[in-house]
Amino acid sequence: MPAPCAPRVWAGAIVYLIALLGTWLLANESGRLWAVLVLVASAMLAVVLWRRQNWISTFPSDATARTRVNGSRLFYVFGVAVAMLLVLAADLRYAAAPSETFGLADILWIAGIALLLCSAFFGSHSLWGVSNAPRLPRWPTWEMALLAVLFVLALLGRVGNLRNFPDNIYPDEIMTGTVATQSYLSPTTPPSVFSTLWSGIDLPALWFWFVAVFLKLGGTSLAMLRLPAALFGAATVISLYALLRGTWGR
């Protein structure tokens, strides 16, 4: 859905630079008050800038589409209800056998998540088929190529020198590597990937399993420890581009 937003694009870049300045000022302890004020000001400017943005409506208001909308809502509600039942069954299974690394409870959890996503996707997909619903511009080859280039640049910017950048090792990185190693590389009974780890903090175990896979494949190095986070960071370029494109058009 294209929108005449060229002035707001330039203003958005200025707001971003102001926010970047506030983030940079956070490094100086004596200037953190000014940093917070700058960040708050950038957030207020963003609200003023896009307060009248015409968002794409989730459900069309045309009365002729009511039957289709109701059917989509019914499909969505049914899918959500079954997904909740699957999650409840997974919780009961996990309570009965918490020591399984990846067992029936995990399969039920994944099935619930998949069903919820499918319900949301297909429930809304039929709504977009209504004739008066807003249509997003097609993805031409040049735009897909441009997005691929942006992703590659984001990836190279993150994984190019993981051993030396960031130039200091944070305590969280040490603890992440320690928890992943102790839990999945040299344990007697690995914990469930849907449990929580890191005593006193209780972070999702699935992330530490993911880190452990990289450490096992590439060796216990700082670069391999940082690689999973770098890959997920690069992947956010695609989701962010899709979000903005779906809101403002190409």
Protein backbone atom coordinates (compact mmCIF):
# COMPACT_ATOMS: atom_id res chain seq x y z
CA MET A 1 0.00 0.00 0.00
CA PRO A 2 2.03 2.99 -1.19
CA ALA A 3 1.78 6.19 0.82
CA PRO A 4 3.09 9.71 0.20
CA CYS A 5 5.62 9.63 3.00
CA ALA A 6 8.82 11.00 1.42
CA PRO A 7 9.03 13.96 3.86
CA ARG A 8 8.53 11.59 6.77
CA VAL A 9 11.26 9.31 5.45
CA TRP A 10 13.78 12.16 5.67
CA ALA A 11 12.41 13.22 9.04
CA GLY A 12 12.68 9.59 10.16
CA ALA A 13 16.36 9.57 9.26
CA ILE A 14 16.86 12.69 11.37
CA VAL A 15 15.00 11.11 14.30
CA TYR A 16 17.20 8.04 13.93
CA LEU A 17 20.35 10.18 14.07
CA ILE A 18 19.05 11.91 17.21
CA ALA A 19 18.41 8.52 18.81
CA LEU A 20 21.87 7.39 17.74
CA LEU A 21 23.34 10.45 19.42
CA GLY A 22 21.49 9.62 22.63
CA THR A 23 22.76 6.04 22.50
CA TRP A 24 26.32 7.28 22.00
CA LEU A 25 25.99 9.62 24.99
CA LEU A 26 25.00 6.69 27.21
CA ALA A 27 28.63 5.54 27.21
CA ASN A 28 29.62 8.61 29.24
CA GLU A 29 28.34 8.21 32.79
CA SER A 30 28.37 11.97 33.50
CA GLY A 31 26.24 12.64 30.43
CA ARG A 32 23.63 9.91 30.88
CA LEU A 33 20.93 12.33 31.99
CA TRP A 34 21.32 14.21 28.71
CA ALA A 35 21.42 10.89 26.87
CA VAL A 36 18.08 9.83 28.34
CA LEU A 37 16.56 13.22 27.52
CA VAL A 38 17.78 12.96 23.92
CA LEU A 39 16.33 9.43 23.59
CA VAL A 40 13.00 10.54 25.05
CA ALA A 41 12.94 13.51 22.67
CA SER A 42 13.60 11.23 19.68
CA ALA A 43 10.74 8.94 20.76
CA MET A 44 8.37 11.90 21.09
CA LEU A 45 9.40 13.18 17.66
CA ALA A 46 8.69 9.74 16.19
CA VAL A 47 5.20 9.73 17.73
CA VAL A 48 4.47 13.21 16.37
CA LEU A 49 5.87 12.26 12.98
CA TRP A 50 3.77 9.14 12.44
CA ARG A 51 0.73 9.83 14.61
CA ARG A 52 -1.54 10.07 11.54
CA GLN A 53 -0.12 7.09 9.70
CA ASN A 54 -2.81 5.10 7.89
CA TRP A 55 -2.13 1.55 9.05
CA ILE A 56 -3.39 -1.42 7.09
CA SER A 57 -6.56 -2.59 8.77
CA THR A 58 -6.66 -6.20 9.94
CA PHE A 59 -10.31 -6.77 9.14
CA PRO A 60 -12.10 -5.04 6.23
CA SER A 61 -15.17 -3.05 7.22
CA ASP A 62 -17.24 -3.75 4.10
CA ALA A 63 -20.51 -5.45 5.02
CA THR A 64 -20.27 -7.72 1.98
CA ALA A 65 -17.15 -9.33 3.45
CA ARG A 66 -18.79 -10.09 6.80
CA THR A 67 -19.41 -13.77 6.09
CA ARG A 68 -15.84 -14.33 5.03
CA VAL A 69 -14.52 -12.42 8.02
CA ASN A 70 -16.65 -14.44 10.42
CA GLY A 71 -15.42 -17.66 8.85
CA SER A 72 -11.82 -16.53 9.18
CA ARG A 73 -12.34 -15.55 12.79
CA LEU A 74 -13.95 -18.92 13.52
CA PHE A 75 -11.01 -20.74 11.94
CA TYR A 76 -8.60 -18.59 13.94
CA VAL A 77 -10.43 -19.11 17.26
CA PHE A 78 -10.61 -22.87 16.66
CA GLY A 79 -6.90 -23.04 15.87
CA VAL A 80 -5.97 -21.01 18.95
CA ALA A 81 -8.16 -23.21 21.17
CA VAL A 82 -6.57 -26.43 19.90
CA ALA A 83 -3.10 -24.88 20.21
CA MET A 84 -3.81 -24.03 23.85
CA LEU A 85 -4.93 -27.62 24.48
CA LEU A 86 -1.70 -28.91 22.93
CA VAL A 87 0.35 -26.59 25.13
CA LEU A 88 -1.59 -27.73 28.21
CA ALA A 89 -0.92 -31.35 27.30
CA ALA A 90 2.76 -30.49 26.83
CA ASP A 91 2.87 -28.88 30.28
CA LEU A 92 1.35 -31.96 31.87
CA ARG A 93 3.80 -34.21 30.05
CA TYR A 94 6.74 -32.03 31.11
CA ALA A 95 5.58 -32.16 34.74
CA ALA A 96 5.50 -35.96 34.52
CA ALA A 97 8.90 -36.32 32.77
CA PRO A 98 11.01 -33.14 33.20
CA SER A 99 14.30 -34.90 32.46
CA GLU A 100 13.62 -35.57 28.74
CA THR A 101 15.94 -33.45 26.58
CA PHE A 102 13.57 -33.56 23.62
CA GLY A 103 10.55 -35.74 24.18
CA LEU A 104 6.79 -35.81 23.82
CA ALA A 105 6.34 -32.53 25.71
CA ASP A 106 8.61 -30.70 23.28
CA ILE A 107 6.82 -32.21 20.27
CA LEU A 108 3.47 -31.06 21.66
CA TRP A 109 4.84 -27.56 22.31
CA ILE A 110 6.15 -27.28 18.76
CA ALA A 111 2.84 -28.59 17.38
CA GLY A 112 0.97 -25.95 19.39
CA ILE A 113 3.24 -23.18 18.12
CA ALA A 114 2.92 -24.39 14.51
CA LEU A 115 -0.87 -24.61 14.75
CA LEU A 116 -1.08 -21.10 16.22
CA LEU A 117 1.04 -19.69 13.38
CA CYS A 118 -1.00 -21.51 10.74
CA SER A 119 -4.25 -20.30 12.26
CA ALA A 120 -3.03 -16.70 12.25
CA PHE A 121 -1.67 -16.96 8.70
CA PHE A 122 -4.58 -18.70 6.99
CA GLY A 123 -7.16 -16.88 9.07
CA SER A 124 -5.85 -13.53 7.88
CA HIS A 125 -4.89 -14.74 4.38
CA SER A 126 -8.51 -15.20 3.37
CA LEU A 127 -9.23 -11.65 4.50
CA TRP A 128 -6.66 -10.26 2.10
CA GLY A 129 -8.50 -12.01 -0.70
CA VAL A 130 -11.47 -9.64 -0.32
CA SER A 131 -11.69 -7.33 -3.33
CA ASN A 132 -11.67 -4.09 -1.34
CA ALA A 133 -8.83 -5.13 0.96
CA PRO A 134 -5.57 -3.20 0.59
CA ARG A 135 -3.10 -4.90 -1.71
CA LEU A 136 0.62 -4.66 -1.18
CA PRO A 137 2.81 -4.00 -4.22
CA ARG A 138 4.32 -7.09 -5.84
CA TRP A 139 7.89 -8.12 -5.10
CA PRO A 140 9.88 -7.39 -8.29
CA THR A 141 13.21 -9.10 -8.90
CA TRP A 142 15.23 -5.95 -8.24
CA GLU A 143 13.62 -5.49 -4.81
CA MET A 144 14.30 -9.07 -3.78
CA ALA A 145 17.90 -8.68 -4.98
CA LEU A 146 18.23 -5.44 -3.02
CA LEU A 147 16.91 -7.12 0.14
CA ALA A 148 19.36 -9.98 -0.38
CA VAL A 149 22.22 -7.47 -0.68
CA LEU A 150 21.10 -5.74 2.52
CA PHE A 151 21.01 -9.08 4.32
CA VAL A 152 24.48 -10.04 3.07
CA LEU A 153 25.88 -6.67 4.18
CA ALA A 154 24.26 -7.06 7.60
CA LEU A 155 25.67 -10.59 7.85
CA LEU A 156 29.19 -9.59 6.83
CA GLY A 157 29.11 -6.64 9.20
CA ARG A 158 28.37 -9.00 12.08
CA VAL A 159 30.45 -12.10 11.34
CA GLY A 160 33.45 -10.50 9.65
CA ASN A 161 35.57 -10.25 12.80
CA LEU A 162 33.72 -11.93 15.65
CA ARG A 163 36.89 -12.82 17.52
CA ASN A 164 38.05 -9.21 17.91
CA PHE A 165 34.80 -7.25 17.73
CA PRO A 166 33.40 -6.41 20.20
CA ASP A 167 36.88 -5.83 21.56
CA ASN A 168 36.03 -6.87 25.11
CA ILE A 169 34.46 -10.04 26.47
CA TYR A 170 31.28 -9.45 28.41
CA PRO A 171 30.47 -11.53 31.52
CA ASP A 172 27.18 -12.61 29.92
CA GLU A 173 29.13 -14.21 27.08
CA ILE A 174 31.25 -16.17 29.53
CA MET A 175 28.16 -17.34 31.41
CA THR A 176 26.35 -18.24 28.18
CA GLY A 177 29.26 -20.41 27.05
CA THR A 178 29.57 -21.97 30.49
CA VAL A 179 25.87 -22.82 30.79
CA ALA A 180 25.71 -24.17 27.21
CA THR A 181 28.81 -26.33 27.74
CA GLN A 182 27.79 -27.70 31.11
CA SER A 183 24.21 -28.36 30.01
CA TYR A 184 24.61 -29.88 26.54
CA LEU A 185 28.27 -30.65 25.79
CA SER A 186 29.36 -32.50 28.92
CA PRO A 187 26.28 -33.35 30.99
CA THR A 188 25.13 -36.67 32.42
CA THR A 189 21.48 -35.93 31.61
CA PRO A 190 20.90 -32.92 29.32
CA PRO A 191 17.92 -30.77 30.41
CA SER A 192 14.82 -30.31 28.29
CA VAL A 193 15.27 -27.72 25.55
CA PHE A 194 11.99 -26.15 26.67
CA SER A 195 13.06 -25.74 30.29
CA THR A 196 14.99 -22.80 31.78
CA LEU A 197 18.68 -22.55 32.68
CA TRP A 198 21.16 -20.19 34.34
CA SER A 199 20.48 -20.33 38.07
CA GLY A 200 18.70 -17.26 39.41
CA ILE A 201 17.93 -15.87 35.94
CA ASP A 202 16.04 -18.76 34.29
CA LEU A 203 16.60 -18.11 30.60
CA PRO A 204 15.11 -20.42 27.91
CA ALA A 205 17.22 -23.55 27.53
CA LEU A 206 16.60 -23.73 23.78
CA TRP A 207 18.99 -20.82 23.21
CA PHE A 208 21.79 -22.55 25.14
CA TRP A 209 21.18 -25.74 23.15
CA PHE A 210 21.51 -23.71 19.97
CA VAL A 211 24.80 -22.17 21.21
CA ALA A 212 26.04 -25.62 22.21
CA VAL A 213 25.42 -26.92 18.67
CA PHE A 214 27.68 -24.19 17.24
CA LEU A 215 30.35 -24.82 19.88
CA LYS A 216 30.28 -28.53 19.07
CA LEU A 217 30.52 -27.99 15.31
CA GLY A 218 33.08 -25.18 15.27
CA GLY A 219 34.97 -25.64 18.51
CA THR A 220 34.81 -23.76 21.79
CA SER A 221 36.04 -20.40 20.54
CA LEU A 222 34.83 -16.87 21.16
CA ALA A 223 33.84 -16.48 17.51
CA MET A 224 31.62 -19.57 17.59
CA LEU A 225 30.10 -18.42 20.87
CA ARG A 226 29.10 -15.11 19.28
CA LEU A 227 28.02 -16.54 15.92
CA PRO A 228 24.42 -17.53 16.82
CA ALA A 229 23.58 -14.04 18.09
CA ALA A 230 25.21 -12.50 15.01
CA LEU A 231 23.11 -14.68 12.68
CA PHE A 232 19.87 -13.81 14.43
CA GLY A 233 20.84 -10.14 14.37
CA ALA A 234 21.40 -10.25 10.62
CA ALA A 235 18.08 -12.03 10.09
CA THR A 236 16.20 -9.12 11.70
CA VAL A 237 16.95 -7.09 8.55
CA ILE A 238 14.46 -9.22 6.61
CA SER A 239 11.69 -9.05 9.20
CA LEU A 240 12.16 -5.30 9.74
CA TYR A 241 12.06 -4.61 5.99
CA ALA A 242 8.92 -6.72 5.62
CA LEU A 243 7.26 -4.92 8.55
CA LEU A 244 7.99 -1.46 7.14
CA ARG A 245 7.00 -2.51 3.61
CA GLY A 246 3.71 -3.90 4.84
CA THR A 247 3.00 -0.64 6.68
CA TRP A 248 4.07 2.01 4.19
CA GLY A 249 4.44 0.10 0.94
CA ARG A 250 7.60 -0.06 -1.11
